[in-house]
Amino acid sequence: MEKLVIASIRKSAGKSSLCLGLGKALKQKLGYLKPLGDRLIYHEKHLWDYDSSLLARVFGLKDRPEEITLGFHHSKLRYMYDCESTGKKLREIAARVSEGKDLLLIEAART
């Protein structure tokens, strides 16, 4: 399974659009992960990242949007996880969302 990280040096550069385009063009079984959400939406008592929700819906991913994102703000995450537990949690999420997939798209945070 291949992994591809999509990042940019500025916010709103089109990372999610690029993930959508790549996913449609490559026609492979996709996994998607956005460790740090930055477009928070609240829906049915759940915090979701808008981009995670969009990609999960478009590609029919079985993972719920709140399970694709570790958290939303780095300053809060710093108090929730230390370096070791952050790495462990990200590896767990990545293993789950990439199971049986050909490609794992990892979308970086806004900058």
C-alpha atoms as a PDB file:
ATOM      1  CA  MET A   1       0.000   0.000   0.000  1.00  0.00           C
ATOM      2  CA  GLU A   2       1.312   3.385  -1.018  1.00  0.00           C
ATOM      3  CA  LYS A   3       1.034   6.529   1.106  1.00  0.00           C
ATOM      4  CA  LEU A   4       0.846  10.040  -0.324  1.00  0.00           C
ATOM      5  CA  VAL A   5       1.021  13.174   1.827  1.00  0.00           C
ATOM      6  CA  ILE A   6      -0.623  16.308   0.418  1.00  0.00           C
ATOM      7  CA  ALA A   7       0.697  19.491   2.040  1.00  0.00           C
ATOM      8  CA  SER A   8       1.147  23.182   1.294  1.00  0.00           C
ATOM      9  CA  ILE A   9       2.852  26.227   2.730  1.00  0.00           C
ATOM     10  CA  ARG A  10      -0.356  28.248   2.922  1.00  0.00           C
ATOM     11  CA  LYS A  11      -3.954  27.665   3.921  1.00  0.00           C
ATOM     12  CA  SER A  12      -6.744  27.220   1.366  1.00  0.00           C
ATOM     13  CA  ALA A  13      -4.247  26.130  -1.284  1.00  0.00           C
ATOM     14  CA  GLY A  14      -6.491  23.352  -2.621  1.00  0.00           C
ATOM     15  CA  LYS A  15      -5.210  20.298  -0.753  1.00  0.00           C
ATOM     16  CA  SER A  16      -8.665  18.750  -0.440  1.00  0.00           C
ATOM     17  CA  SER A  17      -9.444  19.471  -4.082  1.00  0.00           C
ATOM     18  CA  LEU A  18      -6.180  17.798  -5.049  1.00  0.00           C
ATOM     19  CA  CYS A  19      -7.091  14.741  -2.939  1.00  0.00           C
ATOM     20  CA  LEU A  20     -10.491  14.578  -4.655  1.00  0.00           C
ATOM     21  CA  GLY A  21      -8.940  14.891  -8.112  1.00  0.00           C
ATOM     22  CA  LEU A  22      -6.240  12.314  -7.447  1.00  0.00           C
ATOM     23  CA  GLY A  23      -8.714   9.897  -5.960  1.00  0.00           C
ATOM     24  CA  LYS A  24     -11.024  10.145  -8.960  1.00  0.00           C
ATOM     25  CA  ALA A  25      -8.198  10.009 -11.523  1.00  0.00           C
ATOM     26  CA  LEU A  26      -6.302   7.078  -9.997  1.00  0.00           C
ATOM     27  CA  LYS A  27      -9.369   4.851  -9.621  1.00  0.00           C
ATOM     28  CA  GLN A  28      -7.790   2.870  -6.781  1.00  0.00           C
ATOM     29  CA  LYS A  29      -9.167   1.751  -3.444  1.00  0.00           C
ATOM     30  CA  LEU A  30      -8.522   4.790  -1.262  1.00  0.00           C
ATOM     31  CA  GLY A  31      -7.968   5.429   2.381  1.00  0.00           C
ATOM     32  CA  TYR A  32      -7.967   9.016   3.654  1.00  0.00           C
ATOM     33  CA  LEU A  33      -6.547  10.586   6.789  1.00  0.00           C
ATOM     34  CA  LYS A  34      -6.464  14.199   7.924  1.00  0.00           C
ATOM     35  CA  PRO A  35      -4.654  14.140  11.283  1.00  0.00           C
ATOM     36  CA  LEU A  36      -5.274  17.799  12.142  1.00  0.00           C
ATOM     37  CA  GLY A  37      -8.664  19.121  11.133  1.00  0.00           C
ATOM     38  CA  ASP A  38      -9.001  22.827  10.473  1.00  0.00           C
ATOM     39  CA  ARG A  39     -12.523  23.289   9.108  1.00  0.00           C
ATOM     40  CA  LEU A  40     -14.605  22.379  12.139  1.00  0.00           C
ATOM     41  CA  ILE A  41     -18.296  21.555  11.767  1.00  0.00           C
ATOM     42  CA  TYR A  42     -20.681  20.333  14.447  1.00  0.00           C
ATOM     43  CA  HIS A  43     -23.251  17.784  13.326  1.00  0.00           C
ATOM     44  CA  GLU A  44     -25.460  15.515  15.423  1.00  0.00           C
ATOM     45  CA  LYS A  45     -23.358  15.968  18.575  1.00  0.00           C
ATOM     46  CA  HIS A  46     -20.114  15.172  16.736  1.00  0.00           C
ATOM     47  CA  LEU A  47     -17.198  17.398  15.767  1.00  0.00           C
ATOM     48  CA  TRP A  48     -16.128  16.768  12.172  1.00  0.00           C
ATOM     49  CA  ASP A  49     -13.669  18.265   9.810  1.00  0.00           C
ATOM     50  CA  TYR A  50     -15.494  19.483   6.701  1.00  0.00           C
ATOM     51  CA  ASP A  51     -12.835  18.128   4.325  1.00  0.00           C
ATOM     52  CA  SER A  52     -12.859  14.701   6.003  1.00  0.00           C
ATOM     53  CA  SER A  53     -16.628  14.612   5.736  1.00  0.00           C
ATOM     54  CA  LEU A  54     -16.528  15.591   2.058  1.00  0.00           C
ATOM     55  CA  LEU A  55     -13.926  12.994   1.061  1.00  0.00           C
ATOM     56  CA  ALA A  56     -15.613  10.247   3.098  1.00  0.00           C
ATOM     57  CA  ARG A  57     -18.899  10.992   1.337  1.00  0.00           C
ATOM     58  CA  VAL A  58     -17.473  11.315  -2.191  1.00  0.00           C
ATOM     59  CA  PHE A  59     -15.389   8.141  -1.990  1.00  0.00           C
ATOM     60  CA  GLY A  60     -17.884   6.142   0.070  1.00  0.00           C
ATOM     61  CA  LEU A  61     -15.405   5.512   2.873  1.00  0.00           C
ATOM     62  CA  LYS A  62     -16.668   3.334   5.709  1.00  0.00           C
ATOM     63  CA  ASP A  63     -14.827   5.449   8.284  1.00  0.00           C
ATOM     64  CA  ARG A  64     -16.819   8.215   9.906  1.00  0.00           C
ATOM     65  CA  PRO A  65     -15.343  11.707   9.503  1.00  0.00           C
ATOM     66  CA  GLU A  66     -14.650  12.064  13.228  1.00  0.00           C
ATOM     67  CA  GLU A  67     -12.548   8.872  13.076  1.00  0.00           C
ATOM     68  CA  ILE A  68     -10.340  10.208  10.260  1.00  0.00           C
ATOM     69  CA  THR A  69      -9.118  13.224  12.255  1.00  0.00           C
ATOM     70  CA  LEU A  70      -7.053  13.133  15.443  1.00  0.00           C
ATOM     71  CA  GLY A  71      -8.162  16.589  16.576  1.00  0.00           C
ATOM     72  CA  PHE A  72      -8.551  20.209  15.635  1.00  0.00           C
ATOM     73  CA  HIS A  73      -6.201  22.591  17.346  1.00  0.00           C
ATOM     74  CA  HIS A  74      -2.557  21.815  18.009  1.00  0.00           C
ATOM     75  CA  SER A  75      -2.541  23.699  21.316  1.00  0.00           C
ATOM     76  CA  LYS A  76      -5.346  21.490  22.681  1.00  0.00           C
ATOM     77  CA  LEU A  77      -3.802  18.335  21.266  1.00  0.00           C
ATOM     78  CA  ARG A  78      -0.530  19.175  22.978  1.00  0.00           C
ATOM     79  CA  TYR A  79      -2.296  18.707  26.322  1.00  0.00           C
ATOM     80  CA  MET A  80      -4.237  15.621  25.246  1.00  0.00           C
ATOM     81  CA  TYR A  81      -1.312  13.653  23.808  1.00  0.00           C
ATOM     82  CA  ASP A  82       2.416  13.516  24.303  1.00  0.00           C
ATOM     83  CA  CYS A  83       4.801  12.718  21.420  1.00  0.00           C
ATOM     84  CA  GLU A  84       4.674   8.980  21.941  1.00  0.00           C
ATOM     85  CA  SER A  85       0.888   8.707  22.299  1.00  0.00           C
ATOM     86  CA  THR A  86       0.333  11.014  19.303  1.00  0.00           C
ATOM     87  CA  GLY A  87       2.445   8.757  17.111  1.00  0.00           C
ATOM     88  CA  LYS A  88       0.709   5.656  18.447  1.00  0.00           C
ATOM     89  CA  LYS A  89      -2.767   7.099  17.832  1.00  0.00           C
ATOM     90  CA  LEU A  90      -1.860   8.234  14.303  1.00  0.00           C
ATOM     91  CA  ARG A  91      -0.455   4.803  13.455  1.00  0.00           C
ATOM     92  CA  GLU A  92      -3.657   3.172  14.736  1.00  0.00           C
ATOM     93  CA  ILE A  93      -5.861   5.466  12.642  1.00  0.00           C
ATOM     94  CA  ALA A  94      -3.658   5.031   9.553  1.00  0.00           C
ATOM     95  CA  ALA A  95      -3.690   1.235   9.894  1.00  0.00           C
ATOM     96  CA  ARG A  96      -7.470   1.181  10.233  1.00  0.00           C
ATOM     97  CA  VAL A  97      -8.276   3.523   7.331  1.00  0.00           C
ATOM     98  CA  SER A  98      -5.730   1.903   4.997  1.00  0.00           C
ATOM     99  CA  GLU A  99      -6.800  -1.693   5.577  1.00  0.00           C
ATOM    100  CA  GLY A 100      -7.509  -3.320   2.208  1.00  0.00           C
ATOM    101  CA  LYS A 101      -6.682  -0.120   0.304  1.00  0.00           C
ATOM    102  CA  ASP A 102      -4.229   0.530  -2.538  1.00  0.00           C
ATOM    103  CA  LEU A 103      -3.476   4.147  -1.586  1.00  0.00           C
ATOM    104  CA  LEU A 104      -3.637   6.181   1.613  1.00  0.00           C
ATOM    105  CA  LEU A 105      -4.037   9.922   1.065  1.00  0.00           C
ATOM    106  CA  ILE A 106      -2.846  11.934   4.056  1.00  0.00           C
ATOM    107  CA  GLU A 107      -3.909  15.575   4.014  1.00  0.00           C
ATOM    108  CA  ALA A 108      -1.753  17.884   6.099  1.00  0.00           C
ATOM    109  CA  ALA A 109      -3.079  20.784   8.153  1.00  0.00           C
ATOM    110  CA  ARG A 110      -3.555  24.265   6.765  1.00  0.00           C
ATOM    111  CA  THR A 111       0.129  25.282   6.752  1.00  0.00           C
END
